[in-house]
Amino acid sequence: MNAHKRISFQVVRDEVKRRIESRIWPQGSLLPTETQLAEEFNCARATVNRALRELSDQGFVERKRKSGTRVKKEPSKHAKLEFSLARQTVENQNATYRYSLVERNVVASPGWLASQIDVSADIRVLQVICMHYADNRPFQLEERWINIDAVPEIEHADLTNHGPHEWLLNASPFTEAEVSFCAISADGRLAEFMGTTPGTSMIQLERTTWKNGNPMAFARMTHHPGYCIRTRY
């Protein structure tokens, strides 16, 4: 049996999307099975599954168990989210911004991270923990793991006065991102960072970024109680 190439799900997703948009697979048509697509792209079936899940989330296809995946007849409309730097958000609220670097280490990618951003488990990543404040009150806890192979300059970058998000946007901006939002209850660690009590409800944003198809970073940003995210579509 031939070994599968290490092909990213983005490559599969983008090609399937291209075929849909060019009407090679018109609206309402049934796509090949995951197994057939995996054979065509010479990749793992799990890679195809994730690509199709993303296309489903984006409104291009609909998936039904035992019925397969079909091109949607009426593509969905989606909101476009824009995420500002913590500094910009705080200053836009007419508050005084302050940044603090808590911890910075080069480590081997833990297993959960390797699975999250699709890299080898032993790859070197820069782990950064930092705090953002508004009028000296905790605004956001930022935890970020950056793939050093994708962004070699980050290993020795000065993050004393500026957070990793700000540094990356200026020096090596991502080309693609996947975002999720979670409502969480603060544990003891989060409560200490955010100056609140365990059990307090908070919003946590997780974002995986890629640069030209290469896994770049995974960030987890926890916001103060009462934080609100708005968008327009």
Protein backbone atom coordinates (compact mmCIF):
# COMPACT_ATOMS: atom_id res chain seq x y z
CA MET A 1 0.00 0.00 0.00
CA ASN A 2 1.32 3.46 -0.86
CA ALA A 3 2.01 5.75 2.06
CA HIS A 4 -0.17 8.84 2.21
CA LYS A 5 1.40 12.16 1.38
CA ARG A 6 1.37 14.76 4.14
CA ILE A 7 -1.26 16.92 2.46
CA SER A 8 -3.14 19.54 4.45
CA PHE A 9 -6.91 19.58 4.67
CA GLN A 10 -6.80 23.15 3.30
CA VAL A 11 -5.50 21.84 -0.03
CA VAL A 12 -8.39 19.36 -0.28
CA ARG A 13 -10.93 21.94 0.88
CA ASP A 14 -9.78 24.59 -1.58
CA GLU A 15 -9.83 22.19 -4.55
CA VAL A 16 -13.31 20.90 -3.68
CA LYS A 17 -14.46 24.52 -3.28
CA ARG A 18 -12.93 25.39 -6.68
CA ARG A 19 -14.82 22.57 -8.35
CA ILE A 20 -18.08 23.71 -6.76
CA GLU A 21 -17.59 27.35 -7.74
CA SER A 22 -16.61 26.41 -11.31
CA ARG A 23 -19.70 24.17 -11.55
CA ILE A 24 -17.70 21.01 -12.11
CA TRP A 25 -19.89 19.84 -9.23
CA PRO A 26 -23.10 21.88 -9.70
CA GLN A 27 -25.65 22.72 -7.03
CA GLY A 28 -27.43 19.66 -5.73
CA SER A 29 -24.86 17.19 -7.06
CA LEU A 30 -23.52 14.37 -4.93
CA LEU A 31 -19.80 14.53 -4.20
CA PRO A 32 -17.54 11.46 -4.34
CA THR A 33 -17.28 9.60 -1.05
CA GLU A 34 -14.60 10.44 1.50
CA THR A 35 -12.81 7.23 0.57
CA GLN A 36 -12.84 8.12 -3.13
CA LEU A 37 -11.57 11.64 -2.43
CA ALA A 38 -8.87 10.29 -0.14
CA GLU A 39 -7.71 8.00 -2.94
CA GLU A 40 -7.73 10.85 -5.46
CA PHE A 41 -5.71 13.19 -3.25
CA ASN A 42 -3.60 10.35 -1.86
CA CYS A 43 -4.25 11.45 1.71
CA ALA A 44 -5.88 10.15 4.86
CA ARG A 45 -9.66 9.95 5.01
CA ALA A 46 -9.56 12.08 8.17
CA THR A 47 -8.02 14.88 6.10
CA VAL A 48 -10.91 14.75 3.64
CA ASN A 49 -13.41 14.62 6.51
CA ARG A 50 -12.06 17.80 8.02
CA ALA A 51 -12.03 19.56 4.63
CA LEU A 52 -15.70 18.66 4.05
CA ARG A 53 -16.65 19.69 7.57
CA GLU A 54 -15.20 23.13 6.92
CA LEU A 55 -17.06 23.43 3.62
CA SER A 56 -20.23 22.43 5.43
CA ASP A 57 -19.62 25.10 8.08
CA GLN A 58 -19.03 27.64 5.31
CA GLY A 59 -22.33 26.74 3.65
CA PHE A 60 -21.01 25.16 0.45
CA VAL A 61 -22.15 21.59 1.09
CA GLU A 62 -24.59 19.70 3.25
CA ARG A 63 -23.72 16.38 4.81
CA LYS A 64 -26.15 13.67 5.81
CA ARG A 65 -25.27 10.39 7.37
CA LYS A 66 -25.69 7.49 4.93
CA SER A 67 -26.70 9.94 2.19
CA GLY A 68 -23.29 11.46 1.50
CA THR A 69 -22.26 15.04 0.83
CA ARG A 70 -24.11 17.26 -1.64
CA VAL A 71 -23.42 20.73 -3.01
CA LYS A 72 -25.91 23.10 -1.44
CA LYS A 73 -28.57 24.47 -3.75
CA GLU A 74 -28.68 27.79 -1.91
CA PRO A 75 -25.29 28.74 -0.45
CA SER A 76 -25.51 30.27 3.00
CA LYS A 77 -24.47 33.80 3.85
CA HIS A 78 -21.87 34.22 6.56
CA ALA A 79 -20.80 37.00 8.80
CA LYS A 80 -17.31 38.40 8.46
CA LEU A 81 -15.58 38.75 11.81
CA GLU A 82 -12.79 41.23 12.34
CA PHE A 83 -10.55 40.83 15.37
CA SER A 84 -8.67 43.85 16.64
CA LEU A 85 -5.55 43.79 18.73
CA ALA A 86 -6.19 43.90 22.46
CA ARG A 87 -4.34 47.24 22.49
CA GLN A 88 -6.70 48.70 19.88
CA THR A 89 -9.81 47.36 21.58
CA VAL A 90 -8.82 48.81 24.94
CA GLU A 91 -7.81 52.19 23.51
CA ASN A 92 -11.05 52.36 21.49
CA GLN A 93 -12.85 52.18 24.83
CA ASN A 94 -10.90 55.26 25.96
CA ALA A 95 -9.09 53.16 28.54
CA THR A 96 -5.37 53.02 29.26
CA TYR A 97 -3.74 49.91 27.84
CA ARG A 98 -1.01 47.93 29.58
CA TYR A 99 0.75 44.72 28.50
CA SER A 100 2.68 42.23 30.62
CA LEU A 101 4.73 39.23 29.47
CA VAL A 102 4.16 36.44 32.01
CA GLU A 103 6.05 33.49 30.57
CA ARG A 104 7.98 32.55 27.46
CA ASN A 105 9.46 29.11 26.68
CA VAL A 106 10.60 27.06 23.69
CA VAL A 107 9.09 23.58 24.11
CA ALA A 108 8.33 20.45 22.13
CA SER A 109 4.78 20.54 20.83
CA PRO A 110 2.49 18.68 23.27
CA GLY A 111 0.31 15.97 21.79
CA TRP A 112 -2.92 17.97 21.96
CA LEU A 113 -1.31 20.87 20.09
CA ALA A 114 0.15 18.59 17.41
CA SER A 115 -3.36 17.31 16.77
CA GLN A 116 -4.90 20.78 16.89
CA ILE A 117 -2.66 22.41 14.28
CA ASP A 118 -1.59 19.26 12.40
CA VAL A 119 2.15 19.22 13.11
CA SER A 120 4.57 16.57 14.37
CA ALA A 121 4.47 15.98 18.11
CA ASP A 122 8.16 16.80 18.55
CA ILE A 123 8.18 20.07 16.60
CA ARG A 124 9.58 23.10 18.44
CA VAL A 125 7.09 25.80 19.41
CA LEU A 126 7.35 29.06 21.29
CA GLN A 127 4.88 29.12 24.16
CA VAL A 128 3.93 32.60 25.31
CA ILE A 129 1.64 33.61 28.16
CA CYS A 130 0.83 37.29 28.53
CA MET A 131 -1.74 39.63 30.03
CA HIS A 132 -3.52 42.65 28.59
CA TYR A 133 -5.01 45.27 30.92
CA ALA A 134 -7.51 48.11 30.62
CA ASP A 135 -7.04 50.85 33.21
CA ASN A 136 -4.95 48.32 35.18
CA ARG A 137 -7.83 45.85 35.29
CA PRO A 138 -7.40 42.41 33.64
CA PHE A 139 -8.81 42.54 30.12
CA GLN A 140 -7.45 39.44 28.36
CA LEU A 141 -5.24 36.45 29.13
CA GLU A 142 -3.42 35.40 25.95
CA GLU A 143 -1.83 31.96 25.65
CA ARG A 144 -0.13 31.26 22.34
CA TRP A 145 1.90 28.43 20.81
CA ILE A 146 3.83 29.41 17.66
CA ASN A 147 5.39 26.96 15.19
CA ILE A 148 9.04 28.04 15.00
CA ASP A 149 9.52 26.22 11.68
CA ALA A 150 6.81 28.42 10.15
CA VAL A 151 8.05 31.64 11.77
CA PRO A 152 11.77 31.22 12.60
CA GLU A 153 12.19 34.89 13.61
CA ILE A 154 9.77 34.51 16.52
CA GLU A 155 12.22 32.40 18.52
CA HIS A 156 14.38 35.43 19.36
CA ALA A 157 11.80 38.19 18.91
CA ASP A 158 11.52 40.82 21.63
CA LEU A 159 8.08 40.39 23.20
CA THR A 160 8.79 42.48 26.27
CA ASN A 161 6.71 45.47 25.24
CA HIS A 162 4.43 44.03 22.57
CA GLY A 163 2.36 40.84 22.57
CA PRO A 164 2.95 37.95 20.14
CA HIS A 165 -0.27 38.70 18.25
CA GLU A 166 0.88 42.23 17.52
CA TRP A 167 4.37 41.04 16.57
CA LEU A 168 3.03 38.39 14.19
CA LEU A 169 0.63 40.77 12.44
CA ASN A 170 3.46 43.21 11.79
CA ALA A 171 6.28 40.77 10.94
CA SER A 172 4.60 37.64 9.60
CA PRO A 173 0.81 37.91 9.16
CA PHE A 174 -1.26 34.75 8.74
CA THR A 175 -3.17 34.01 5.54
CA GLU A 176 -5.91 31.83 7.01
CA ALA A 177 -7.57 31.31 10.36
CA GLU A 178 -10.04 29.03 12.10
CA VAL A 179 -11.85 30.49 15.10
CA SER A 180 -14.10 29.09 17.80
CA PHE A 181 -15.82 30.69 20.78
CA CYS A 182 -16.52 28.99 24.09
CA ALA A 183 -18.46 30.00 27.18
CA ILE A 184 -16.44 28.77 30.15
CA SER A 185 -16.36 28.90 33.93
CA ALA A 186 -13.11 30.15 35.39
CA ASP A 187 -11.00 27.64 37.28
CA GLY A 188 -8.63 28.72 40.04
CA ARG A 189 -5.81 29.57 37.63
CA LEU A 190 -7.97 31.69 35.32
CA ALA A 191 -9.64 33.40 38.27
CA GLU A 192 -6.23 34.44 39.60
CA PHE A 193 -5.13 35.84 36.24
CA MET A 194 -8.40 37.68 35.61
CA GLY A 195 -8.88 38.99 39.14
CA THR A 196 -12.17 37.23 39.77
CA THR A 197 -13.49 34.15 41.57
CA PRO A 198 -13.62 30.50 40.42
CA GLY A 199 -16.83 29.71 38.60
CA THR A 200 -17.16 33.14 36.98
CA SER A 201 -18.53 32.96 33.43
CA MET A 202 -16.15 34.11 30.69
CA ILE A 203 -15.74 34.05 26.92
CA GLN A 204 -12.76 32.13 25.54
CA LEU A 205 -11.66 32.48 21.95
CA GLU A 206 -9.46 29.85 20.28
CA ARG A 207 -7.78 30.56 16.97
CA THR A 208 -5.59 28.40 14.73
CA THR A 209 -3.69 30.23 11.99
CA TRP A 210 -1.87 29.15 8.85
CA LYS A 211 0.55 30.91 6.55
CA ASN A 212 0.36 29.78 2.93
CA GLY A 213 -1.02 26.42 4.04
CA ASN A 214 1.58 25.81 6.77
CA PRO A 215 0.39 25.53 10.40
CA MET A 216 1.52 28.71 12.12
CA ALA A 217 0.08 29.13 15.61
CA PHE A 218 -2.64 28.28 18.08
CA ALA A 219 -3.91 30.93 20.49
CA ARG A 220 -6.32 30.81 23.40
CA MET A 221 -7.59 34.20 24.57
CA THR A 222 -9.75 34.49 27.68
CA HIS A 223 -11.65 37.73 28.22
CA HIS A 224 -12.89 39.48 31.33
CA PRO A 225 -16.49 38.89 32.48
CA GLY A 226 -18.92 40.92 30.41
CA TYR A 227 -16.78 40.99 27.25
CA CYS A 228 -18.92 41.27 24.11
CA ILE A 229 -18.07 40.34 20.50
CA ARG A 230 -19.96 42.10 17.70
CA THR A 231 -19.98 41.65 13.94
CA ARG A 232 -21.98 42.79 10.91
CA TYR A 233 -23.12 40.75 7.90
